[in-house]
Amino acid sequence: MTQAELAAAVGVSRQTVVAIEKGDYAPSVYVAIRIAGALDSTVECLFPVPTNE
């Protein structure tokens, strides 16, 4: 799936997808859920919470 296809499926711009991939932008919960659904994955898998170990 291309960035443009993912963006269209989620309802955001391709630039938003690029920023999320680069770690420059943290998506809202709603966008994260839509991304996970479009990629047949889970939010937890795509956006793991860093641990302070």
N, C-alpha and C. Protein backbone atom coordinates (compact mmCIF):
# COMPACT_ATOMS: atom_id res chain seq x y z
N MET A 1 0.85 -1.17 0.00
CA MET A 1 0.00 0.00 0.00
C MET A 1 0.90 1.24 0.00
N THR A 2 0.61 2.16 -0.88
CA THR A 2 1.39 3.39 -0.93
C THR A 2 0.93 4.37 0.15
N GLN A 3 1.75 5.37 0.38
CA GLN A 3 1.36 6.40 1.35
C GLN A 3 0.09 7.10 0.90
N ALA A 4 -0.03 7.34 -0.40
CA ALA A 4 -1.22 8.01 -0.93
C ALA A 4 -2.46 7.13 -0.74
N GLU A 5 -2.33 5.84 -0.97
CA GLU A 5 -3.46 4.93 -0.78
C GLU A 5 -3.87 4.86 0.68
N LEU A 6 -2.89 4.80 1.57
CA LEU A 6 -3.19 4.77 3.01
C LEU A 6 -3.87 6.07 3.43
N ALA A 7 -3.34 7.17 2.96
CA ALA A 7 -3.92 8.46 3.30
C ALA A 7 -5.38 8.54 2.85
N ALA A 8 -5.65 8.09 1.64
CA ALA A 8 -7.02 8.12 1.12
C ALA A 8 -7.93 7.21 1.95
N ALA A 9 -7.43 6.04 2.33
CA ALA A 9 -8.23 5.09 3.11
C ALA A 9 -8.55 5.62 4.50
N VAL A 10 -7.62 6.40 5.04
CA VAL A 10 -7.76 6.90 6.41
C VAL A 10 -8.46 8.26 6.44
N GLY A 11 -8.37 9.01 5.36
CA GLY A 11 -8.99 10.32 5.32
C GLY A 11 -8.07 11.44 5.77
N VAL A 12 -6.77 11.27 5.54
CA VAL A 12 -5.79 12.31 5.85
C VAL A 12 -4.97 12.58 4.60
N SER A 13 -4.09 13.57 4.66
CA SER A 13 -3.23 13.86 3.52
C SER A 13 -2.03 12.91 3.51
N ARG A 14 -1.42 12.79 2.34
CA ARG A 14 -0.21 11.97 2.23
C ARG A 14 0.89 12.57 3.11
N GLN A 15 0.93 13.89 3.22
CA GLN A 15 1.93 14.54 4.07
C GLN A 15 1.76 14.15 5.53
N THR A 16 0.53 13.95 5.96
CA THR A 16 0.28 13.50 7.33
C THR A 16 0.84 12.10 7.53
N VAL A 17 0.63 11.22 6.57
CA VAL A 17 1.17 9.86 6.66
C VAL A 17 2.70 9.91 6.73
N VAL A 18 3.31 10.75 5.91
CA VAL A 18 4.77 10.89 5.91
C VAL A 18 5.25 11.36 7.29
N ALA A 19 4.59 12.37 7.85
CA ALA A 19 4.97 12.90 9.15
C ALA A 19 4.83 11.86 10.26
N ILE A 20 3.77 11.05 10.19
CA ILE A 20 3.58 9.98 11.18
C ILE A 20 4.69 8.95 11.05
N GLU A 21 5.01 8.55 9.83
CA GLU A 21 6.06 7.55 9.60
C GLU A 21 7.42 8.05 10.12
N LYS A 22 7.69 9.34 9.94
CA LYS A 22 8.96 9.90 10.37
C LYS A 22 9.02 10.15 11.87
N GLY A 23 7.88 10.06 12.54
CA GLY A 23 7.84 10.33 13.97
C GLY A 23 7.73 11.81 14.29
N ASP A 24 7.43 12.63 13.28
CA ASP A 24 7.28 14.06 13.48
C ASP A 24 5.88 14.46 13.94
N TYR A 25 4.95 13.53 13.87
CA TYR A 25 3.55 13.82 14.20
C TYR A 25 2.93 12.60 14.86
N ALA A 26 2.30 12.83 16.02
CA ALA A 26 1.58 11.76 16.70
C ALA A 26 0.11 11.87 16.33
N PRO A 27 -0.44 10.85 15.69
CA PRO A 27 -1.84 10.94 15.26
C PRO A 27 -2.80 10.89 16.44
N SER A 28 -3.99 11.42 16.22
CA SER A 28 -5.03 11.30 17.24
C SER A 28 -5.41 9.82 17.37
N VAL A 29 -6.10 9.52 18.43
CA VAL A 29 -6.55 8.14 18.64
C VAL A 29 -7.41 7.68 17.46
N TYR A 30 -8.27 8.57 16.98
CA TYR A 30 -9.17 8.20 15.89
C TYR A 30 -8.41 7.90 14.60
N VAL A 31 -7.40 8.71 14.30
CA VAL A 31 -6.59 8.46 13.10
C VAL A 31 -5.79 7.18 13.28
N ALA A 32 -5.22 6.98 14.45
CA ALA A 32 -4.44 5.76 14.70
C ALA A 32 -5.30 4.51 14.53
N ILE A 33 -6.54 4.57 14.99
CA ILE A 33 -7.45 3.43 14.84
C ILE A 33 -7.74 3.18 13.36
N ARG A 34 -7.97 4.26 12.60
CA ARG A 34 -8.25 4.10 11.17
C ARG A 34 -7.03 3.56 10.42
N ILE A 35 -5.83 4.01 10.80
CA ILE A 35 -4.61 3.49 10.17
C ILE A 35 -4.47 2.00 10.47
N ALA A 36 -4.65 1.63 11.72
CA ALA A 36 -4.55 0.22 12.09
C ALA A 36 -5.55 -0.63 11.32
N GLY A 37 -6.77 -0.15 11.20
CA GLY A 37 -7.79 -0.89 10.45
C GLY A 37 -7.42 -1.03 8.99
N ALA A 38 -6.92 0.05 8.39
CA ALA A 38 -6.55 0.01 6.97
C ALA A 38 -5.40 -0.95 6.72
N LEU A 39 -4.53 -1.11 7.71
CA LEU A 39 -3.36 -1.99 7.57
C LEU A 39 -3.59 -3.37 8.18
N ASP A 40 -4.83 -3.64 8.61
CA ASP A 40 -5.17 -4.91 9.25
C ASP A 40 -4.21 -5.22 10.39
N SER A 41 -4.04 -4.25 11.25
CA SER A 41 -3.12 -4.37 12.38
C SER A 41 -3.80 -3.80 13.61
N THR A 42 -3.03 -3.57 14.66
CA THR A 42 -3.57 -2.97 15.87
C THR A 42 -2.81 -1.68 16.17
N VAL A 43 -3.45 -0.80 16.90
CA VAL A 43 -2.81 0.45 17.30
C VAL A 43 -1.59 0.13 18.15
N GLU A 44 -1.71 -0.84 19.04
CA GLU A 44 -0.60 -1.20 19.93
C GLU A 44 0.61 -1.69 19.15
N CYS A 45 0.37 -2.39 18.07
CA CYS A 45 1.47 -2.90 17.24
C CYS A 45 2.13 -1.77 16.46
N LEU A 46 1.32 -0.88 15.91
CA LEU A 46 1.86 0.20 15.07
C LEU A 46 2.46 1.35 15.88
N PHE A 47 1.91 1.60 17.06
CA PHE A 47 2.36 2.73 17.88
C PHE A 47 2.67 2.25 19.30
N PRO A 48 3.75 1.50 19.46
CA PRO A 48 4.08 0.99 20.80
C PRO A 48 4.45 2.13 21.76
N VAL A 49 4.05 1.97 22.99
CA VAL A 49 4.36 2.96 24.02
C VAL A 49 5.78 2.69 24.52
N PRO A 50 6.64 3.70 24.46
CA PRO A 50 8.01 3.48 24.95
C PRO A 50 8.02 3.25 26.46
N THR A 51 8.88 2.40 26.89
CA THR A 51 9.01 2.12 28.33
C THR A 51 10.20 2.90 28.87
N ASN A 52 10.16 3.21 30.14
CA ASN A 52 11.24 3.96 30.78
C ASN A 52 12.14 3.02 31.57
N GLU A 53 12.70 2.06 30.89
CA GLU A 53 13.55 1.09 31.58
C GLU A 53 14.99 1.47 31.44
